[in-house]
């Protein structure tokens, strides 16, 4: 069974099944060959009665990891189909991107306690339940929740190797030394947190006062093991210094988004804003990550974000930042005006300098017009 439609939704009718009381999961042999970088997830629509139409309320979302290779996917069996004895399914393998979807086999199976396919199917089912409950909670504006979050932000360490001038946690010698004396996340705490929360999570975001990739090898290795075991994606905001050390082909498959701070495209301005850091080293690591994700046989390409803090000393370089960014085909640009955490930085603020800011912002935004890059950027300043 193959679907190939470059102009709309690619769908495969998987047929009608008669589940029995012993059946608890679906097993699909699926191959996706996306033609672009837009694949995020696949959708399995189901109906549990002959007169029941497909609808968004009856869908299981899941991700295929490999590109252009058959992969066995375990999914939970919709409980109601056991009551009706009827199950009809349609697969939209690439609902929002171009390419082809192939299905080699579809089976209904009995769950087995120590089977990896069963474990993965139950993880998908739990994460799907949480996703739908989050949507209901947001839609109904619930103040008390009966479910875990879909995503979680976590600080692994308050420590950092850099002293970026505008950083609230490391922008002065005093706060830098204070936070670098603090300990990283306790390994036992990570274990307890992971076993309780990770089965429900879709995404873990590493943020906080420090550089997430600067943690001990032991903590990083265990974190990535737990993410793999519980099938949780990882998003990380980083200064870019340790990308080669922390991200290889195995870890790449876990990456949702890697966001790298730049703040200067000439060596002196970059060093002034990033605590004496090496621009060449960071750009080499950005290139390494982009090359790794471009060559990986993954259906879902890990996203790359580049971030920039607008200051008086780097505003003239902002258009060149956009030109530089385009070399790495980023998925989004995150740009913010300077927040003055330390009195010494007040003179770097662009407040009161609208003409200067708008000259270079306007030039850069014109280059981005019509681009596929997602923008999280400030508007032109009011005069």
Foldseek 3Di string as FASTA:
>chain_A
DKFADQPAFTKDWPFKAQDEPQFWKKKWFKAWAFPDQPADWKKKWKDQDPPDDTDPVGIQIGHDWFHGHTDIAIATDPVVNNVSRMMIIMIRGRRPGHTMMDIDDMDTDGDDDPDPNNVRRVLSVLQRVQVVQVVVCVVVVDPDGPHAHQEEEDEQALAEPAQFCQALQRNDPVSNVVRNVDDGDDQVVVVVCLVVHLSRYQEYEYDDNYFRVPHDPVSLVVVLVSCVSSVHAYEYEHQQQCLVVRDDLSSQSRHQEYEHEQAADDQVRRCNRTRHDGNVNNVVSLVVLLVSQVPHRTPNGHAYEYEYEQWQVCLQCVLVVLVVVVVSVGQAYAYYYRDHSDPVRPNGGCVVVLVSNCVSVVNNVVVCVPPNRHYNYDDRDDD
